[in-house]
Amino acid sequence: MSNDRNRTLTREVEAVMVPYGNKFIIPAGGKVSLMQTLGGSFTIMGDFGMARLDGQYADAIGEQAQTSNFADVKVGADGAPDQELLWGQLRSVYDPEIPVNIVDLGLVYSLDVAKREAGGHKVDVAMTLTAPGCGMGPAIAEDAKSKLMQVPGVDEAEVRIVWEPCWNQNMISEEGKMKLGLI
């Protein structure tokens, strides 16, 4: 591993243990190695094992936080969010162990936008995981939800983890299979 991946935390951070999903604190001064930087989050290794670090802690490892700039984005005539932007946001969500986004992995089964009775729009996503025992499910779903909430016109978002149909490698997109060396 090259030295430019070795980092010393400049402040305390909350991380999520991979693959278990437990949150824990790494104190300032902790030594970590940066393994993966995708979708605005980071996969790090340390004496604790592997963990996912949210983008809000980018500065603590000497990285820049990734931001979405939707200032010039217009919503539809009825105030509905743009479907392409929603799918784009989901394409920026990654499992910390796999360098392919959740859409290309075939984990997102549906994305629906509906008007809310209270006004505005709700986005409902049904997704699965590569394995039923994956403890990272809640962290991945929360990452997806927070990214959907950034899109203009989204007033509410729900990301549900479902198990039917059961995920398999045939659901991975061609691009995802190429990244994983499956074709």
Protein backbone atom coordinates (compact mmCIF):
# COMPACT_ATOMS: atom_id res chain seq x y z
CA MET A 1 0.00 0.00 0.00
CA SER A 2 1.42 3.41 -0.95
CA ASN A 3 2.08 6.01 1.74
CA ASP A 4 -0.35 8.52 0.21
CA ARG A 5 -3.18 6.23 1.34
CA ASN A 6 -1.98 6.22 4.94
CA ARG A 7 -3.66 8.93 6.98
CA THR A 8 -3.78 10.26 10.53
CA LEU A 9 -7.19 11.49 11.61
CA THR A 10 -7.17 15.20 12.43
CA ARG A 11 -10.37 14.91 14.48
CA GLU A 12 -12.65 12.33 16.02
CA VAL A 13 -14.95 10.58 13.52
CA GLU A 14 -17.90 8.22 13.65
CA ALA A 15 -17.38 5.21 11.40
CA VAL A 16 -19.44 2.15 10.51
CA MET A 17 -17.78 -1.25 10.89
CA VAL A 18 -17.79 -3.26 7.65
CA PRO A 19 -19.54 -5.68 7.16
CA TYR A 20 -21.36 -5.63 10.52
CA GLY A 21 -22.86 -2.14 10.41
CA ASN A 22 -21.95 -1.17 14.01
CA LYS A 23 -21.16 2.51 14.56
CA PHE A 24 -18.05 3.36 16.54
CA ILE A 25 -15.79 6.32 17.25
CA ILE A 26 -12.21 6.62 16.02
CA PRO A 27 -10.33 9.26 18.02
CA ALA A 28 -8.27 12.09 16.57
CA GLY A 29 -4.76 10.85 15.86
CA GLY A 30 -5.99 7.43 14.77
CA LYS A 31 -4.03 5.83 11.92
CA VAL A 32 -6.02 4.62 8.91
CA SER A 33 -5.43 3.60 5.32
CA LEU A 34 -7.77 4.87 2.62
CA MET A 35 -8.99 1.89 0.61
CA GLN A 36 -11.83 3.26 -1.54
CA THR A 37 -13.22 6.71 -2.31
CA LEU A 38 -16.51 6.43 -4.14
CA GLY A 39 -19.78 8.32 -4.06
CA GLY A 40 -18.61 10.77 -1.43
CA SER A 41 -17.91 8.16 1.24
CA PHE A 42 -14.69 6.42 2.16
CA THR A 43 -13.67 2.87 2.99
CA ILE A 44 -10.83 2.86 5.49
CA MET A 45 -8.73 0.21 7.23
CA GLY A 46 -7.15 0.44 10.65
CA ASP A 47 -6.32 -1.70 13.64
CA PHE A 48 -10.13 -1.99 14.06
CA GLY A 49 -10.52 -3.66 10.64
CA MET A 50 -12.50 -2.17 7.75
CA ALA A 51 -14.95 0.72 8.14
CA ARG A 52 -17.05 3.15 6.12
CA LEU A 53 -16.59 6.83 6.75
CA ASP A 54 -19.31 9.29 5.72
CA GLY A 55 -18.36 12.24 3.50
CA GLN A 56 -18.90 14.70 6.35
CA TYR A 57 -15.58 13.45 7.76
CA ALA A 58 -13.59 13.95 4.54
CA ASP A 59 -11.48 16.72 6.06
CA ALA A 60 -10.44 14.45 8.94
CA ILE A 61 -8.57 12.23 6.46
CA GLY A 62 -7.28 15.05 4.27
CA GLU A 63 -9.91 14.67 1.53
CA GLN A 64 -12.47 17.06 0.05
CA ALA A 65 -16.15 16.50 0.71
CA GLN A 66 -18.14 15.76 -2.43
CA THR A 67 -21.09 18.09 -2.94
CA SER A 68 -24.04 18.00 -5.27
CA ASN A 69 -24.79 21.33 -6.90
CA PHE A 70 -28.43 21.50 -7.87
CA ALA A 71 -28.68 25.33 -7.78
CA ASP A 72 -29.60 25.56 -11.48
CA VAL A 73 -31.89 22.54 -11.53
CA LYS A 74 -35.53 23.17 -12.28
CA VAL A 75 -38.31 20.91 -11.10
CA GLY A 76 -41.17 19.79 -13.34
CA ALA A 77 -44.28 21.92 -13.86
CA ASP A 78 -45.97 20.14 -10.95
CA GLY A 79 -42.87 20.51 -8.75
CA ALA A 80 -41.85 16.89 -9.26
CA PRO A 81 -38.15 15.99 -9.03
CA ASP A 82 -36.27 15.00 -12.17
CA GLN A 83 -36.12 11.19 -12.53
CA GLU A 84 -32.65 11.29 -14.13
CA LEU A 85 -31.28 13.24 -11.16
CA LEU A 86 -32.82 10.75 -8.74
CA TRP A 87 -31.24 7.79 -10.57
CA GLY A 88 -27.96 9.75 -10.75
CA GLN A 89 -27.99 10.20 -7.00
CA LEU A 90 -28.56 6.48 -6.49
CA ARG A 91 -25.61 5.82 -8.81
CA SER A 92 -23.45 7.70 -6.31
CA VAL A 93 -24.21 5.18 -3.53
CA TYR A 94 -21.74 2.34 -3.00
CA ASP A 95 -21.37 -0.70 -0.83
CA PRO A 96 -18.05 -0.01 0.95
CA GLU A 97 -16.67 -3.39 -0.12
CA ILE A 98 -17.64 -3.27 -3.79
CA PRO A 99 -16.44 -0.64 -6.31
CA VAL A 100 -19.76 -0.64 -8.22
CA ASN A 101 -22.74 1.59 -7.40
CA ILE A 102 -26.00 0.11 -6.11
CA VAL A 103 -27.83 0.72 -9.40
CA ASP A 104 -25.25 -1.07 -11.55
CA LEU A 105 -25.07 -3.85 -8.95
CA GLY A 106 -28.77 -4.42 -9.62
CA LEU A 107 -29.72 -3.71 -6.01
CA VAL A 108 -32.34 -1.03 -6.80
CA TYR A 109 -35.61 -2.67 -7.79
CA SER A 110 -37.82 0.40 -8.08
CA LEU A 111 -37.90 4.18 -7.75
CA ASP A 112 -41.31 5.81 -7.57
CA VAL A 113 -42.28 9.47 -7.15
CA ALA A 114 -45.71 10.38 -5.80
CA LYS A 115 -47.45 13.57 -4.74
CA ARG A 116 -47.93 13.85 -0.99
CA GLU A 117 -51.28 14.84 0.51
CA ALA A 118 -49.44 17.47 2.54
CA GLY A 119 -47.92 18.86 -0.66
CA GLY A 120 -44.65 18.21 -2.36
CA HIS A 121 -43.33 14.85 -3.52
CA LYS A 122 -42.18 11.62 -1.91
CA VAL A 123 -39.62 9.28 -3.43
CA ASP A 124 -39.98 5.61 -2.58
CA VAL A 125 -37.15 3.21 -3.37
CA ALA A 126 -37.18 -0.55 -2.98
CA MET A 127 -33.72 -2.09 -2.92
CA THR A 128 -32.02 -5.24 -1.78
CA LEU A 129 -28.54 -6.28 -0.70
CA THR A 130 -26.11 -8.81 -2.12
CA ALA A 131 -26.57 -10.98 0.99
CA PRO A 132 -29.38 -11.14 3.56
CA GLY A 133 -26.92 -11.05 6.47
CA CYS A 134 -25.22 -7.82 5.35
CA GLY A 135 -25.05 -5.49 8.34
CA MET A 136 -24.31 -2.52 6.06
CA GLY A 137 -27.90 -2.43 4.74
CA PRO A 138 -29.12 0.37 7.03
CA ALA A 139 -26.02 2.50 6.30
CA ILE A 140 -26.39 2.02 2.53
CA ALA A 141 -30.13 2.78 2.67
CA GLU A 142 -29.51 5.93 4.75
CA ASP A 143 -26.84 7.07 2.28
CA ALA A 144 -29.32 6.60 -0.58
CA LYS A 145 -32.05 8.48 1.30
CA SER A 146 -29.79 11.43 2.13
CA LYS A 147 -28.68 11.72 -1.49
CA LEU A 148 -32.27 11.59 -2.77
CA MET A 149 -33.26 14.34 -0.32
CA GLN A 150 -30.72 16.67 -1.98
CA VAL A 151 -32.65 16.66 -5.27
CA PRO A 152 -34.91 19.69 -5.79
CA GLY A 153 -38.58 18.73 -5.53
CA VAL A 154 -38.02 15.90 -3.03
CA ASP A 155 -39.82 16.60 0.23
CA GLU A 156 -39.67 13.08 1.62
CA ALA A 157 -37.77 9.90 0.76
CA GLU A 158 -38.07 6.33 1.92
CA VAL A 159 -35.59 3.59 1.04
CA ARG A 160 -36.90 0.13 1.87
CA ILE A 161 -34.78 -3.01 1.91
CA VAL A 162 -36.66 -5.94 0.39
CA TRP A 163 -35.65 -9.55 -0.22
CA GLU A 164 -37.89 -10.53 -3.12
CA PRO A 165 -36.77 -11.21 -5.72
CA CYS A 166 -33.56 -12.61 -4.35
CA TRP A 167 -30.53 -10.78 -5.78
CA ASN A 168 -28.10 -12.67 -8.04
CA GLN A 169 -25.13 -11.73 -10.24
CA ASN A 170 -27.29 -11.71 -13.37
CA MET A 171 -28.83 -8.48 -12.07
CA ILE A 172 -25.52 -6.62 -12.40
CA SER A 173 -25.38 -4.25 -15.38
CA GLU A 174 -22.87 -4.80 -18.18
CA GLU A 175 -20.85 -1.82 -16.90
CA GLY A 176 -20.87 -3.27 -13.39
CA LYS A 177 -19.77 -6.67 -14.64
CA MET A 178 -16.89 -5.05 -16.53
CA LYS A 179 -15.75 -3.17 -13.38
CA LEU A 180 -15.88 -6.40 -11.40
CA GLY A 181 -14.06 -8.41 -14.09
CA LEU A 182 -17.03 -10.70 -14.63
CA ILE A 183 -16.97 -10.29 -18.44
